[in-house]
C-alpha atoms as a PDB file:
ATOM      1  CA  MET A   1     141.821 112.746 491.071  1.00  0.00           C
ATOM      2  CA  SER A   2     144.298 109.594 491.260  1.00  0.00           C
ATOM      3  CA  ASP A   3     141.330 107.815 489.437  1.00  0.00           C
ATOM      4  CA  LYS A   4     140.638 110.250 487.367  1.00  0.00           C
ATOM      5  CA  LEU A   5     143.740 110.435 485.953  1.00  0.00           C
ATOM      6  CA  ASP A   6     143.502 107.051 486.007  1.00  0.00           C
ATOM      7  CA  LEU A   7     140.282 107.048 484.183  1.00  0.00           C
ATOM      8  CA  ILE A   8     141.273 109.271 481.333  1.00  0.00           C
ATOM      9  CA  LEU A   9     144.905 107.102 481.379  1.00  0.00           C
ATOM     10  CA  SER A  10     143.064 104.148 480.460  1.00  0.00           C
ATOM     11  CA  GLU A  11     140.455 105.725 478.203  1.00  0.00           C
ATOM     12  CA  LEU A  12     144.218 107.219 475.855  1.00  0.00           C
ATOM     13  CA  GLN A  13     145.152 104.194 475.732  1.00  0.00           C
ATOM     14  CA  LYS A  14     141.807 102.367 474.117  1.00  0.00           C
ATOM     15  CA  LEU A  15     141.401 105.712 471.915  1.00  0.00           C
ATOM     16  CA  ASN A  16     145.911 105.523 470.672  1.00  0.00           C
ATOM     17  CA  SER A  17     144.757 101.150 470.200  1.00  0.00           C
ATOM     18  CA  ARG A  18     142.568 102.014 467.948  1.00  0.00           C
ATOM     19  CA  VAL A  19     144.045 104.536 465.743  1.00  0.00           C
ATOM     20  CA  ALA A  20     146.911 102.081 465.541  1.00  0.00           C
ATOM     21  CA  ASN A  21     144.466  99.443 464.249  1.00  0.00           C
ATOM     22  CA  ILE A  22     143.062 102.012 460.918  1.00  0.00           C
ATOM     23  CA  GLU A  23     146.693 102.984 460.280  1.00  0.00           C
ATOM     24  CA  ILE A  24     147.622  99.956 459.940  1.00  0.00           C
ATOM     25  CA  THR A  25     144.229  98.808 457.943  1.00  0.00           C
ATOM     26  CA  MET A  26     143.643 102.107 456.030  1.00  0.00           C
ATOM     27  CA  ALA A  27     144.962 102.020 452.927  1.00  0.00           C
ATOM     28  CA  THR A  28     148.322 103.732 450.938  1.00  0.00           C
ATOM     29  CA  LYS A  29     149.211 105.716 447.963  1.00  0.00           C
ATOM     30  CA  ASP A  30     150.603 102.483 445.863  1.00  0.00           C
ATOM     31  CA  ASP A  31     147.733 101.150 447.044  1.00  0.00           C
ATOM     32  CA  VAL A  32     145.296 103.943 445.587  1.00  0.00           C
ATOM     33  CA  ALA A  33     147.862 104.250 443.299  1.00  0.00           C
ATOM     34  CA  ASP A  34     146.808 100.464 441.734  1.00  0.00           C
ATOM     35  CA  LEU A  35     143.400 101.155 441.840  1.00  0.00           C
ATOM     36  CA  PRO A  36     143.178 101.974 438.096  1.00  0.00           C
ATOM     37  CA  TYR A  37     144.705  98.482 436.584  1.00  0.00           C
ATOM     38  CA  ILE A  38     143.007  96.130 439.279  1.00  0.00           C
ATOM     39  CA  THR A  39     139.763  98.087 437.706  1.00  0.00           C
ATOM     40  CA  GLN A  40     140.851  97.235 434.165  1.00  0.00           C
ATOM     41  CA  ALA A  41     142.256  93.894 435.292  1.00  0.00           C
ATOM     42  CA  ILE A  42     138.275  93.696 435.952  1.00  0.00           C
ATOM     43  CA  THR A  43     136.455  94.713 433.329  1.00  0.00           C
ATOM     44  CA  GLU A  44     138.889  92.880 430.708  1.00  0.00           C
ATOM     45  CA  THR A  45     137.971  89.467 432.386  1.00  0.00           C
ATOM     46  CA  GLY A  46     134.454  90.620 432.596  1.00  0.00           C
ATOM     47  CA  ASP A  47     134.640  90.677 428.514  1.00  0.00           C
ATOM     48  CA  ASN A  48     136.464  87.285 428.649  1.00  0.00           C
ATOM     49  CA  VAL A  49     133.889  86.063 430.526  1.00  0.00           C
ATOM     50  CA  ARG A  50     131.443  86.951 428.076  1.00  0.00           C
ATOM     51  CA  LEU A  51     133.291  86.586 424.512  1.00  0.00           C
ATOM     52  CA  ILE A  52     133.072  82.611 426.184  1.00  0.00           C
ATOM     53  CA  LEU A  53     129.648  82.482 427.229  1.00  0.00           C
ATOM     54  CA  ASP A  54     128.679  83.820 423.557  1.00  0.00           C
ATOM     55  CA  ASP A  55     130.278  80.985 421.959  1.00  0.00           C
ATOM     56  CA  GLN A  56     129.527  78.371 424.263  1.00  0.00           C
ATOM     57  CA  LYS A  57     126.119  79.106 423.516  1.00  0.00           C
ATOM     58  CA  SER A  58     127.047  79.268 419.792  1.00  0.00           C
ATOM     59  CA  ILE A  59     128.276  75.492 420.601  1.00  0.00           C
ATOM     60  CA  ASN A  60     125.238  74.305 422.739  1.00  0.00           C
ATOM     61  CA  GLU A  61     123.349  75.698 419.475  1.00  0.00           C
ATOM     62  CA  ILE A  62     125.037  73.753 417.182  1.00  0.00           C
ATOM     63  CA  ILE A  63     125.123  70.298 418.955  1.00  0.00           C
ATOM     64  CA  GLY A  64     121.598  70.555 420.026  1.00  0.00           C
ATOM     65  CA  GLU A  65     120.875  71.127 423.526  1.00  0.00           C
ATOM     66  CA  HIS A  66     119.468  67.506 423.967  1.00  0.00           C
ATOM     67  CA  GLU A  67     122.847  66.039 422.844  1.00  0.00           C
ATOM     68  CA  ILE A  68     124.110  68.237 425.545  1.00  0.00           C
ATOM     69  CA  ALA A  69     122.143  67.144 428.335  1.00  0.00           C
ATOM     70  CA  ILE A  70     122.449  63.969 427.974  1.00  0.00           C
ATOM     71  CA  ARG A  71     125.613  63.926 428.366  1.00  0.00           C
ATOM     72  CA  SER A  72     125.893  65.696 431.327  1.00  0.00           C
ATOM     73  CA  ILE A  73     123.464  64.016 433.040  1.00  0.00           C
ATOM     74  CA  ARG A  74     126.121  61.174 432.343  1.00  0.00           C
ATOM     75  CA  ARG A  75     128.371  63.154 433.630  1.00  0.00           C
ATOM     76  CA  ARG A  76     127.340  63.872 436.948  1.00  0.00           C
ATOM     77  CA  PRO A  77     127.820  60.748 439.852  1.00  0.00           C
ATOM     78  CA  VAL A  78     125.593  58.685 441.458  1.00  0.00           C
END
């Protein structure tokens, strides 16, 4: 009987440990409340990156891709 109780106690302690770990890593209401702001920041950053890429394409067309390739090769370490 004692062995069965020890086994049950051991399993219960393991379950309590797992639940405690889940509670530690679980998102809170405050964490969830910040999600719209994080999503907005990611969207704005993506928009800014797209604008920079478009500007870079325009600059490449103005300077010429050949000249840019030469300058890139010059910057690479030997």
